[in-house]
Amino acid sequence: MSEKTFLKPDFIGIGPPKTGTTWIYKNLSQHQQISMPPDKEIRYFYEKHFVGELGLLKLLLSDHWHVRGRRAFHKNRLRAHFKSLLGCRLDVHDLRWDLKYLFGNRSFSWYASLFNENCVTGDISAKYCELPEEWIRKIKHHFPRLKVLITLRDPVEREWSRAKMNLSKKPNRPLSAVKKHEFLTQFNDPPQKTSNDYKTVIESWSRYFPSEQILVLFYDELVEDPHGYFLKICRFLSIKDPDEEAKAKLEEYVFKGVKGAIPGEFRDILFEMHQENILKLIRYYPDSDYPKRWLAKHQVHEKPVD
């Protein structure tokens, strides 16, 4: 393994998805001491392990969801640069970043170079929670000072939110048109089983990163007290508390999920799937009320035994 280490980024957010990571990205982007990259989810480590080397031909032709997302990002950014050029407002610094992001040799050095050297900066890629330990070890080796944000949410609610989002992507498709088997396929997605085993995710990262470099947050905290939630992040990253203008924006929604309460049948299915993961987290964090609340809430909805 190469001995080269890097100072940037300062932190990564590893998700899982649908746990408030977009809210964190937006509000950190507005902080005066923070410089976030234009792409919220760079997913470099995910790409290296799950997708492989991403040359230009693969970027153009692959149907992998991650690569499709890269293509869409580059297309939108280049279109914006073209419009800026026509209006004589081209931001050369942004253009250089995008060209490096698109054409650069995707190495650890390339990844580190995507981040501003003069500010606190980070990569919030929610799929990093799926990385195996071999990659966590590599990350710690090359980025020894890196801080890690882990954001948790009731796995029943998280899975319902994720499934609704994925199955409603087709334009004008109402949730009522989605078939039961499509939801079940989403619920049984293997990577999500990894993501929802929160105790194992925390333990895996804690084997390589010391406790002072890891912050575990609960989505419930964000909903109940966004100011207090963000202050925890600021203290963890050793940055100033937000100014008054930034504080006002902490109450704003960033990414509204698809509307639709979870049907009782799906709640029962998801609780049966994830009850043990909730129990493991309760035993791991006996002083935290949030996992206990998740358990109690879903136990109330359980069907009585005949």
C-alpha atoms as a PDB file:
ATOM      1  CA  MET A   1       0.000   0.000   0.000  1.00  0.00           C
ATOM      2  CA  SER A   2       1.290   3.478  -0.913  1.00  0.00           C
ATOM      3  CA  GLU A   3       2.554   5.483   2.061  1.00  0.00           C
ATOM      4  CA  LYS A   4       1.293   8.827   0.745  1.00  0.00           C
ATOM      5  CA  THR A   5      -1.161  10.596   3.041  1.00  0.00           C
ATOM      6  CA  PHE A   6      -3.414  13.615   2.466  1.00  0.00           C
ATOM      7  CA  LEU A   7      -4.794  16.450   4.567  1.00  0.00           C
ATOM      8  CA  LYS A   8      -7.919  17.027   2.494  1.00  0.00           C
ATOM      9  CA  PRO A   9     -10.790  16.489   2.799  1.00  0.00           C
ATOM     10  CA  ASP A  10     -11.178  17.312   6.481  1.00  0.00           C
ATOM     11  CA  PHE A  11     -14.266  15.134   6.894  1.00  0.00           C
ATOM     12  CA  ILE A  12     -16.607  12.739   5.152  1.00  0.00           C
ATOM     13  CA  GLY A  13     -20.287  12.047   5.759  1.00  0.00           C
ATOM     14  CA  ILE A  14     -20.977   8.374   5.209  1.00  0.00           C
ATOM     15  CA  GLY A  15     -24.762   8.343   5.447  1.00  0.00           C
ATOM     16  CA  PRO A  16     -26.722   6.154   5.018  1.00  0.00           C
ATOM     17  CA  PRO A  17     -29.033   7.772   2.413  1.00  0.00           C
ATOM     18  CA  LYS A  18     -32.230   9.523   3.544  1.00  0.00           C
ATOM     19  CA  THR A  19     -30.760  10.532   6.898  1.00  0.00           C
ATOM     20  CA  GLY A  20     -30.470  14.298   6.357  1.00  0.00           C
ATOM     21  CA  THR A  21     -27.185  14.352   4.432  1.00  0.00           C
ATOM     22  CA  THR A  22     -28.468  16.893   1.867  1.00  0.00           C
ATOM     23  CA  TRP A  23     -29.484  19.225   4.707  1.00  0.00           C
ATOM     24  CA  ILE A  24     -25.987  18.931   6.176  1.00  0.00           C
ATOM     25  CA  TYR A  25     -24.364  19.611   2.802  1.00  0.00           C
ATOM     26  CA  LYS A  26     -26.464  22.692   2.115  1.00  0.00           C
ATOM     27  CA  ASN A  27     -25.990  24.256   5.533  1.00  0.00           C
ATOM     28  CA  LEU A  28     -22.274  23.534   5.681  1.00  0.00           C
ATOM     29  CA  SER A  29     -21.941  25.042   2.192  1.00  0.00           C
ATOM     30  CA  GLN A  30     -23.322  28.326   3.576  1.00  0.00           C
ATOM     31  CA  HIS A  31     -20.910  28.448   6.506  1.00  0.00           C
ATOM     32  CA  GLN A  32     -18.232  31.133   6.219  1.00  0.00           C
ATOM     33  CA  GLN A  33     -15.399  28.741   7.146  1.00  0.00           C
ATOM     34  CA  ILE A  34     -16.491  25.871   4.911  1.00  0.00           C
ATOM     35  CA  SER A  35     -15.901  25.201   1.224  1.00  0.00           C
ATOM     36  CA  MET A  36     -17.861  22.232  -0.102  1.00  0.00           C
ATOM     37  CA  PRO A  37     -17.259  20.785  -3.580  1.00  0.00           C
ATOM     38  CA  PRO A  38     -19.921  21.512  -6.242  1.00  0.00           C
ATOM     39  CA  ASP A  39     -20.952  17.853  -6.322  1.00  0.00           C
ATOM     40  CA  LYS A  40     -22.506  16.829  -3.020  1.00  0.00           C
ATOM     41  CA  GLU A  41     -21.788  13.115  -3.484  1.00  0.00           C
ATOM     42  CA  ILE A  42     -18.405  12.511  -5.068  1.00  0.00           C
ATOM     43  CA  ARG A  43     -18.544   8.848  -3.985  1.00  0.00           C
ATOM     44  CA  TYR A  44     -14.919   8.262  -4.945  1.00  0.00           C
ATOM     45  CA  PHE A  45     -14.316   5.379  -2.523  1.00  0.00           C
ATOM     46  CA  TYR A  46     -17.660   3.793  -3.433  1.00  0.00           C
ATOM     47  CA  GLU A  47     -16.778   4.087  -7.109  1.00  0.00           C
ATOM     48  CA  LYS A  48     -13.371   2.478  -6.692  1.00  0.00           C
ATOM     49  CA  HIS A  49     -14.775  -0.539  -4.861  1.00  0.00           C
ATOM     50  CA  PHE A  50     -18.166  -1.117  -6.469  1.00  0.00           C
ATOM     51  CA  VAL A  51     -17.768   0.303  -9.990  1.00  0.00           C
ATOM     52  CA  GLY A  52     -14.069   0.000 -10.766  1.00  0.00           C
ATOM     53  CA  GLU A  53     -11.860   2.252 -12.844  1.00  0.00           C
ATOM     54  CA  LEU A  54     -13.980   4.927 -14.487  1.00  0.00           C
ATOM     55  CA  GLY A  55     -12.360   5.876 -17.776  1.00  0.00           C
ATOM     56  CA  LEU A  56     -13.980   8.172 -20.307  1.00  0.00           C
ATOM     57  CA  LEU A  57     -15.483   5.291 -22.328  1.00  0.00           C
ATOM     58  CA  LYS A  58     -17.087   3.771 -19.224  1.00  0.00           C
ATOM     59  CA  LEU A  59     -18.326   7.187 -18.178  1.00  0.00           C
ATOM     60  CA  LEU A  60     -20.025   7.559 -21.559  1.00  0.00           C
ATOM     61  CA  LEU A  61     -21.486   4.051 -21.866  1.00  0.00           C
ATOM     62  CA  SER A  62     -22.005   2.429 -18.467  1.00  0.00           C
ATOM     63  CA  ASP A  63     -25.583   1.986 -17.237  1.00  0.00           C
ATOM     64  CA  HIS A  64     -24.568   1.765 -13.567  1.00  0.00           C
ATOM     65  CA  TRP A  65     -26.675   4.211 -11.527  1.00  0.00           C
ATOM     66  CA  HIS A  66     -23.558   5.902 -10.139  1.00  0.00           C
ATOM     67  CA  VAL A  67     -22.168   6.513 -13.631  1.00  0.00           C
ATOM     68  CA  ARG A  68     -25.530   7.772 -14.906  1.00  0.00           C
ATOM     69  CA  GLY A  69     -25.470  10.254 -12.048  1.00  0.00           C
ATOM     70  CA  ARG A  70     -21.961  11.376 -13.002  1.00  0.00           C
ATOM     71  CA  ARG A  71     -23.053  11.924 -16.607  1.00  0.00           C
ATOM     72  CA  ALA A  72     -26.069  13.965 -15.514  1.00  0.00           C
ATOM     73  CA  PHE A  73     -23.919  16.104 -13.205  1.00  0.00           C
ATOM     74  CA  HIS A  74     -21.311  16.836 -15.887  1.00  0.00           C
ATOM     75  CA  LYS A  75     -23.979  17.576 -18.480  1.00  0.00           C
ATOM     76  CA  ASN A  76     -25.737  20.071 -16.225  1.00  0.00           C
ATOM     77  CA  ARG A  77     -22.509  21.745 -15.159  1.00  0.00           C
ATOM     78  CA  LEU A  78     -21.167  22.102 -18.717  1.00  0.00           C
ATOM     79  CA  ARG A  79     -24.508  23.495 -19.865  1.00  0.00           C
ATOM     80  CA  ALA A  80     -24.351  26.058 -17.043  1.00  0.00           C
ATOM     81  CA  HIS A  81     -20.796  27.023 -18.024  1.00  0.00           C
ATOM     82  CA  PHE A  82     -21.884  27.513 -21.638  1.00  0.00           C
ATOM     83  CA  LYS A  83     -24.731  29.812 -20.579  1.00  0.00           C
ATOM     84  CA  SER A  84     -22.333  31.743 -18.343  1.00  0.00           C
ATOM     85  CA  LEU A  85     -19.893  32.111 -21.221  1.00  0.00           C
ATOM     86  CA  LEU A  86     -22.629  33.533 -23.462  1.00  0.00           C
ATOM     87  CA  GLY A  87     -23.495  36.002 -20.728  1.00  0.00           C
ATOM     88  CA  CYS A  88     -19.832  36.901 -20.133  1.00  0.00           C
ATOM     89  CA  ARG A  89     -20.078  35.589 -16.570  1.00  0.00           C
ATOM     90  CA  LEU A  90     -17.908  32.472 -16.863  1.00  0.00           C
ATOM     91  CA  ASP A  91     -16.336  31.405 -13.566  1.00  0.00           C
ATOM     92  CA  VAL A  92     -12.926  30.101 -14.650  1.00  0.00           C
ATOM     93  CA  HIS A  93     -12.208  28.551 -11.239  1.00  0.00           C
ATOM     94  CA  ASP A  94     -15.434  26.516 -11.364  1.00  0.00           C
ATOM     95  CA  LEU A  95     -14.739  25.479 -14.953  1.00  0.00           C
ATOM     96  CA  ARG A  96     -11.259  24.247 -14.027  1.00  0.00           C
ATOM     97  CA  TRP A  97     -12.712  22.236 -11.158  1.00  0.00           C
ATOM     98  CA  ASP A  98     -15.260  20.596 -13.449  1.00  0.00           C
ATOM     99  CA  LEU A  99     -12.669  19.751 -16.090  1.00  0.00           C
ATOM    100  CA  LYS A 100     -10.458  18.173 -13.430  1.00  0.00           C
ATOM    101  CA  TYR A 101     -13.453  16.280 -12.044  1.00  0.00           C
ATOM    102  CA  LEU A 102     -14.368  15.005 -15.508  1.00  0.00           C
ATOM    103  CA  PHE A 103     -10.977  14.275 -17.072  1.00  0.00           C
ATOM    104  CA  GLY A 104      -8.590  13.819 -14.135  1.00  0.00           C
ATOM    105  CA  ASN A 105      -6.780  10.573 -13.366  1.00  0.00           C
ATOM    106  CA  ARG A 106      -8.985   9.187 -10.591  1.00  0.00           C
ATOM    107  CA  SER A 107      -6.390   8.510  -7.896  1.00  0.00           C
ATOM    108  CA  PHE A 108      -6.161   9.374  -4.205  1.00  0.00           C
ATOM    109  CA  SER A 109      -4.168  12.468  -5.201  1.00  0.00           C
ATOM    110  CA  TRP A 110      -6.867  13.476  -7.684  1.00  0.00           C
ATOM    111  CA  TYR A 111      -9.547  12.996  -5.029  1.00  0.00           C
ATOM    112  CA  ALA A 112      -7.654  15.119  -2.468  1.00  0.00           C
ATOM    113  CA  SER A 113      -7.115  17.857  -5.068  1.00  0.00           C
ATOM    114  CA  LEU A 114     -10.887  18.342  -5.448  1.00  0.00           C
ATOM    115  CA  PHE A 115     -11.036  20.048  -2.050  1.00  0.00           C
ATOM    116  CA  ASN A 116     -10.119  23.620  -1.139  1.00  0.00           C
ATOM    117  CA  GLU A 117      -6.772  23.687   0.649  1.00  0.00           C
ATOM    118  CA  ASN A 118      -7.570  26.936   2.461  1.00  0.00           C
ATOM    119  CA  CYS A 119     -10.884  26.026   4.111  1.00  0.00           C
ATOM    120  CA  VAL A 120     -12.483  23.263   6.087  1.00  0.00           C
ATOM    121  CA  THR A 121     -13.992  21.005   3.448  1.00  0.00           C
ATOM    122  CA  GLY A 122     -15.598  17.611   3.109  1.00  0.00           C
ATOM    123  CA  ASP A 123     -17.243  14.912   1.034  1.00  0.00           C
ATOM    124  CA  ILE A 124     -20.771  13.863   1.966  1.00  0.00           C
ATOM    125  CA  SER A 125     -21.368  10.580   0.129  1.00  0.00           C
ATOM    126  CA  ALA A 126     -24.131   8.578   1.729  1.00  0.00           C
ATOM    127  CA  LYS A 127     -23.135   5.303   0.072  1.00  0.00           C
ATOM    128  CA  TYR A 128     -19.823   5.169   1.955  1.00  0.00           C
ATOM    129  CA  CYS A 129     -21.659   3.337   4.737  1.00  0.00           C
ATOM    130  CA  GLU A 130     -21.654   0.273   2.446  1.00  0.00           C
ATOM    131  CA  LEU A 131     -17.865   0.105   2.169  1.00  0.00           C
ATOM    132  CA  PRO A 132     -16.154  -3.050   3.453  1.00  0.00           C
ATOM    133  CA  GLU A 133     -13.477  -2.851   6.114  1.00  0.00           C
ATOM    134  CA  GLU A 134     -10.645  -3.156   3.593  1.00  0.00           C
ATOM    135  CA  TRP A 135     -11.671   0.243   2.230  1.00  0.00           C
ATOM    136  CA  ILE A 136     -12.151   1.800   5.647  1.00  0.00           C
ATOM    137  CA  ARG A 137      -8.581   0.718   6.408  1.00  0.00           C
ATOM    138  CA  LYS A 138      -7.345   2.295   3.155  1.00  0.00           C
ATOM    139  CA  ILE A 139      -9.167   5.522   3.889  1.00  0.00           C
ATOM    140  CA  LYS A 140      -7.647   5.745   7.362  1.00  0.00           C
ATOM    141  CA  HIS A 141      -4.197   5.000   5.946  1.00  0.00           C
ATOM    142  CA  HIS A 142      -4.322   7.731   3.302  1.00  0.00           C
ATOM    143  CA  PHE A 143      -6.412  10.257   5.270  1.00  0.00           C
ATOM    144  CA  PRO A 144      -5.346   9.720   8.882  1.00  0.00           C
ATOM    145  CA  ARG A 145      -6.775  13.014  10.198  1.00  0.00           C
ATOM    146  CA  LEU A 146     -10.147  12.576   8.506  1.00  0.00           C
ATOM    147  CA  LYS A 147     -13.277  13.075  10.619  1.00  0.00           C
ATOM    148  CA  VAL A 148     -16.311  10.867   9.993  1.00  0.00           C
ATOM    149  CA  LEU A 149     -19.974  11.875  10.258  1.00  0.00           C
ATOM    150  CA  ILE A 150     -22.434   8.986  10.652  1.00  0.00           C
ATOM    151  CA  THR A 151     -26.114   9.913  10.429  1.00  0.00           C
ATOM    152  CA  LEU A 152     -28.783   7.459  11.602  1.00  0.00           C
ATOM    153  CA  ARG A 153     -32.558   7.314  11.145  1.00  0.00           C
ATOM    154  CA  ASP A 154     -35.277   4.883  12.162  1.00  0.00           C
ATOM    155  CA  PRO A 155     -34.602   2.144   9.547  1.00  0.00           C
ATOM    156  CA  VAL A 156     -38.323   1.569   8.964  1.00  0.00           C
ATOM    157  CA  GLU A 157     -38.883   5.230   8.102  1.00  0.00           C
ATOM    158  CA  ARG A 158     -35.618   5.438   6.185  1.00  0.00           C
ATOM    159  CA  GLU A 159     -36.483   2.472   3.991  1.00  0.00           C
ATOM    160  CA  TRP A 160     -39.975   3.787   3.300  1.00  0.00           C
ATOM    161  CA  SER A 161     -38.591   7.217   2.380  1.00  0.00           C
ATOM    162  CA  ARG A 162     -35.936   5.686   0.132  1.00  0.00           C
ATOM    163  CA  ALA A 163     -38.390   3.348  -1.605  1.00  0.00           C
ATOM    164  CA  LYS A 164     -40.854   6.168  -2.281  1.00  0.00           C
ATOM    165  CA  MET A 165     -38.098   8.312  -3.764  1.00  0.00           C
ATOM    166  CA  ASN A 166     -36.746   5.559  -6.012  1.00  0.00           C
ATOM    167  CA  LEU A 167     -40.133   4.360  -7.227  1.00  0.00           C
ATOM    168  CA  SER A 168     -41.544   7.810  -7.932  1.00  0.00           C
ATOM    169  CA  LYS A 169     -38.680   8.989 -10.144  1.00  0.00           C
ATOM    170  CA  LYS A 170     -40.654   8.442 -13.327  1.00  0.00           C
ATOM    171  CA  PRO A 171     -42.414  11.713 -14.257  1.00  0.00           C
ATOM    172  CA  ASN A 172     -46.043  11.984 -13.160  1.00  0.00           C
ATOM    173  CA  ARG A 173     -46.077   8.529 -11.567  1.00  0.00           C
ATOM    174  CA  PRO A 174     -48.233   8.681  -8.426  1.00  0.00           C
ATOM    175  CA  LEU A 175     -47.297   6.514  -5.477  1.00  0.00           C
ATOM    176  CA  SER A 176     -50.644   4.713  -5.814  1.00  0.00           C
ATOM    177  CA  ALA A 177     -49.482   3.330  -9.179  1.00  0.00           C
ATOM    178  CA  VAL A 178     -46.506   1.517  -7.641  1.00  0.00           C
ATOM    179  CA  LYS A 179     -47.095  -2.221  -7.237  1.00  0.00           C
ATOM    180  CA  LYS A 180     -46.523  -4.086  -3.989  1.00  0.00           C
ATOM    181  CA  HIS A 181     -43.794  -6.278  -5.496  1.00  0.00           C
ATOM    182  CA  GLU A 182     -41.853  -3.147  -6.498  1.00  0.00           C
ATOM    183  CA  PHE A 183     -41.816  -1.948  -2.897  1.00  0.00           C
ATOM    184  CA  LEU A 184     -40.762  -5.383  -1.684  1.00  0.00           C
ATOM    185  CA  THR A 185     -37.888  -5.402  -4.163  1.00  0.00           C
ATOM    186  CA  GLN A 186     -36.736  -2.068  -2.778  1.00  0.00           C
ATOM    187  CA  PHE A 187     -37.043  -3.274   0.817  1.00  0.00           C
ATOM    188  CA  ASN A 188     -34.912  -6.331   0.056  1.00  0.00           C
ATOM    189  CA  ASP A 189     -32.120  -4.454  -1.711  1.00  0.00           C
ATOM    190  CA  PRO A 190     -28.935  -6.149  -0.360  1.00  0.00           C
ATOM    191  CA  PRO A 191     -26.853  -2.967   0.072  1.00  0.00           C
ATOM    192  CA  GLN A 192     -29.586  -1.506   2.263  1.00  0.00           C
ATOM    193  CA  LYS A 193     -29.374  -4.462   4.594  1.00  0.00           C
ATOM    194  CA  THR A 194     -25.758  -3.473   5.140  1.00  0.00           C
ATOM    195  CA  SER A 195     -26.669   0.186   5.581  1.00  0.00           C
ATOM    196  CA  ASN A 196     -29.407  -0.526   8.121  1.00  0.00           C
ATOM    197  CA  ASP A 197     -27.126  -2.552  10.384  1.00  0.00           C
ATOM    198  CA  TYR A 198     -26.074   0.630  12.149  1.00  0.00           C
ATOM    199  CA  LYS A 199     -24.199  -1.070  14.971  1.00  0.00           C
ATOM    200  CA  THR A 200     -21.944  -2.920  12.527  1.00  0.00           C
ATOM    201  CA  VAL A 201     -21.377   0.242  10.462  1.00  0.00           C
ATOM    202  CA  ILE A 202     -20.296   2.180  13.560  1.00  0.00           C
ATOM    203  CA  GLU A 203     -18.106  -0.662  14.824  1.00  0.00           C
ATOM    204  CA  SER A 204     -16.401  -1.064  11.441  1.00  0.00           C
ATOM    205  CA  TRP A 205     -15.399   2.587  11.223  1.00  0.00           C
ATOM    206  CA  SER A 206     -14.501   2.707  14.928  1.00  0.00           C
ATOM    207  CA  ARG A 207     -11.925  -0.058  14.446  1.00  0.00           C
ATOM    208  CA  TYR A 208      -9.814   2.323  12.377  1.00  0.00           C
ATOM    209  CA  PHE A 209     -10.825   5.823  13.457  1.00  0.00           C
ATOM    210  CA  PRO A 210     -10.578   6.929  17.104  1.00  0.00           C
ATOM    211  CA  SER A 211     -13.721   8.117  18.871  1.00  0.00           C
ATOM    212  CA  GLU A 212     -12.694  11.780  18.677  1.00  0.00           C
ATOM    213  CA  GLN A 213     -12.758  11.515  14.862  1.00  0.00           C
ATOM    214  CA  ILE A 214     -16.273  10.068  14.672  1.00  0.00           C
ATOM    215  CA  LEU A 215     -19.586  11.839  15.294  1.00  0.00           C
ATOM    216  CA  VAL A 216     -22.812   9.807  15.324  1.00  0.00           C
ATOM    217  CA  LEU A 217     -25.985  11.835  14.815  1.00  0.00           C
ATOM    218  CA  PHE A 218     -29.657  10.897  14.851  1.00  0.00           C
ATOM    219  CA  TYR A 219     -32.122  12.234  12.279  1.00  0.00           C
ATOM    220  CA  ASP A 220     -34.595  12.719  15.136  1.00  0.00           C
ATOM    221  CA  GLU A 221     -32.268  15.389  16.554  1.00  0.00           C
ATOM    222  CA  LEU A 222     -32.360  17.255  13.245  1.00  0.00           C
ATOM    223  CA  VAL A 223     -36.175  17.221  13.197  1.00  0.00           C
ATOM    224  CA  GLU A 224     -36.551  18.266  16.841  1.00  0.00           C
ATOM    225  CA  ASP A 225     -33.762  20.835  17.130  1.00  0.00           C
ATOM    226  CA  PRO A 226     -31.969  21.757  13.879  1.00  0.00           C
ATOM    227  CA  HIS A 227     -29.986  24.503  15.620  1.00  0.00           C
ATOM    228  CA  GLY A 228     -28.625  22.178  18.293  1.00  0.00           C
ATOM    229  CA  TYR A 229     -27.964  19.497  15.678  1.00  0.00           C
ATOM    230  CA  PHE A 230     -25.918  21.870  13.531  1.00  0.00           C
ATOM    231  CA  LEU A 231     -24.005  23.173  16.544  1.00  0.00           C
ATOM    232  CA  LYS A 232     -22.858  19.610  17.254  1.00  0.00           C
ATOM    233  CA  ILE A 233     -21.478  19.429  13.720  1.00  0.00           C
ATOM    234  CA  CYS A 234     -19.754  22.814  14.071  1.00  0.00           C
ATOM    235  CA  ARG A 235     -18.076  21.800  17.331  1.00  0.00           C
ATOM    236  CA  PHE A 236     -17.005  18.477  15.828  1.00  0.00           C
ATOM    237  CA  LEU A 237     -15.421  20.223  12.830  1.00  0.00           C
ATOM    238  CA  SER A 238     -13.893  22.963  15.024  1.00  0.00           C
ATOM    239  CA  ILE A 239     -15.631  25.784  13.165  1.00  0.00           C
ATOM    240  CA  LYS A 240     -17.532  28.801  14.464  1.00  0.00           C
ATOM    241  CA  ASP A 241     -21.201  28.699  15.330  1.00  0.00           C
ATOM    242  CA  PRO A 242     -23.382  29.867  12.407  1.00  0.00           C
ATOM    243  CA  ASP A 243     -24.190  33.569  12.107  1.00  0.00           C
ATOM    244  CA  GLU A 244     -27.763  34.858  12.436  1.00  0.00           C
ATOM    245  CA  GLU A 245     -28.514  34.632   8.716  1.00  0.00           C
ATOM    246  CA  ALA A 246     -27.318  31.042   8.581  1.00  0.00           C
ATOM    247  CA  LYS A 247     -29.282  30.162  11.725  1.00  0.00           C
ATOM    248  CA  ALA A 248     -32.504  31.303  10.078  1.00  0.00           C
ATOM    249  CA  LYS A 249     -31.913  28.932   7.176  1.00  0.00           C
ATOM    250  CA  LEU A 250     -31.465  25.910   9.437  1.00  0.00           C
ATOM    251  CA  GLU A 251     -35.254  25.652   9.723  1.00  0.00           C
ATOM    252  CA  GLU A 252     -35.710  25.317   5.965  1.00  0.00           C
ATOM    253  CA  TYR A 253     -36.467  22.050   4.211  1.00  0.00           C
ATOM    254  CA  VAL A 254     -33.732  21.072   1.773  1.00  0.00           C
ATOM    255  CA  PHE A 255     -34.959  17.934   0.071  1.00  0.00           C
ATOM    256  CA  LYS A 256     -38.639  17.226   0.645  1.00  0.00           C
ATOM    257  CA  GLY A 257     -39.397  13.538   0.381  1.00  0.00           C
ATOM    258  CA  VAL A 258     -42.266  12.066  -1.602  1.00  0.00           C
ATOM    259  CA  LYS A 259     -45.536  12.482   0.281  1.00  0.00           C
ATOM    260  CA  GLY A 260     -47.330   9.380   1.493  1.00  0.00           C
ATOM    261  CA  ALA A 261     -47.643   7.738   4.894  1.00  0.00           C
ATOM    262  CA  ILE A 262     -46.382   4.199   5.233  1.00  0.00           C
ATOM    263  CA  PRO A 263     -49.192   1.608   4.986  1.00  0.00           C
ATOM    264  CA  GLY A 264     -49.563  -0.671   7.990  1.00  0.00           C
ATOM    265  CA  GLU A 265     -48.672  -3.740   5.950  1.00  0.00           C
ATOM    266  CA  PHE A 266     -45.342  -2.267   4.867  1.00  0.00           C
ATOM    267  CA  ARG A 267     -44.636  -0.959   8.360  1.00  0.00           C
ATOM    268  CA  ASP A 268     -45.025  -4.507   9.719  1.00  0.00           C
ATOM    269  CA  ILE A 269     -42.794  -5.955   6.989  1.00  0.00           C
ATOM    270  CA  LEU A 270     -40.052  -3.403   7.555  1.00  0.00           C
ATOM    271  CA  PHE A 271     -40.205  -3.660  11.330  1.00  0.00           C
ATOM    272  CA  GLU A 272     -39.850  -7.428  11.135  1.00  0.00           C
ATOM    273  CA  MET A 273     -36.837  -6.951   8.868  1.00  0.00           C
ATOM    274  CA  HIS A 274     -35.112  -4.355  11.060  1.00  0.00           C
ATOM    275  CA  GLN A 275     -36.223  -5.032  14.612  1.00  0.00           C
ATOM    276  CA  GLU A 276     -33.024  -6.887  15.449  1.00  0.00           C
ATOM    277  CA  ASN A 277     -30.902  -4.037  14.066  1.00  0.00           C
ATOM    278  CA  ILE A 278     -32.771  -1.591  16.306  1.00  0.00           C
ATOM    279  CA  LEU A 279     -32.272  -3.865  19.311  1.00  0.00           C
ATOM    280  CA  LYS A 280     -28.551  -4.145  18.577  1.00  0.00           C
ATOM    281  CA  LEU A 281     -28.276  -0.365  18.441  1.00  0.00           C
ATOM    282  CA  ILE A 282     -30.130  -0.033  21.754  1.00  0.00           C
ATOM    283  CA  ARG A 283     -27.636  -2.375  23.377  1.00  0.00           C
ATOM    284  CA  TYR A 284     -24.753  -0.473  21.763  1.00  0.00           C
ATOM    285  CA  TYR A 285     -26.100   2.950  22.819  1.00  0.00           C
ATOM    286  CA  PRO A 286     -28.005   2.223  26.049  1.00  0.00           C
ATOM    287  CA  ASP A 287     -28.071   5.924  26.990  1.00  0.00           C
ATOM    288  CA  SER A 288     -29.660   7.112  23.745  1.00  0.00           C
ATOM    289  CA  ASP A 289     -33.439   7.486  23.711  1.00  0.00           C
ATOM    290  CA  TYR A 290     -33.862   7.543  19.942  1.00  0.00           C
ATOM    291  CA  PRO A 291     -33.472   3.835  19.096  1.00  0.00           C
ATOM    292  CA  LYS A 292     -35.731   3.037  22.067  1.00  0.00           C
ATOM    293  CA  ARG A 293     -38.344   5.387  20.636  1.00  0.00           C
ATOM    294  CA  TRP A 294     -38.130   3.655  17.257  1.00  0.00           C
ATOM    295  CA  LEU A 295     -38.714   0.291  18.885  1.00  0.00           C
ATOM    296  CA  ALA A 296     -41.617   1.480  21.031  1.00  0.00           C
ATOM    297  CA  LYS A 297     -43.303   3.242  18.106  1.00  0.00           C
ATOM    298  CA  HIS A 298     -43.314   0.174  15.896  1.00  0.00           C
ATOM    299  CA  GLN A 299     -44.208  -2.247  18.661  1.00  0.00           C
ATOM    300  CA  VAL A 300     -47.414  -0.275  19.152  1.00  0.00           C
ATOM    301  CA  HIS A 301     -48.320  -0.972  15.527  1.00  0.00           C
ATOM    302  CA  GLU A 302     -47.504  -4.693  15.663  1.00  0.00           C
ATOM    303  CA  LYS A 303     -50.394  -7.032  14.949  1.00  0.00           C
ATOM    304  CA  PRO A 304     -51.622  -8.903  18.038  1.00  0.00           C
ATOM    305  CA  VAL A 305     -50.820 -12.603  18.145  1.00  0.00           C
ATOM    306  CA  ASP A 306     -53.912 -14.840  17.908  1.00  0.00           C
END
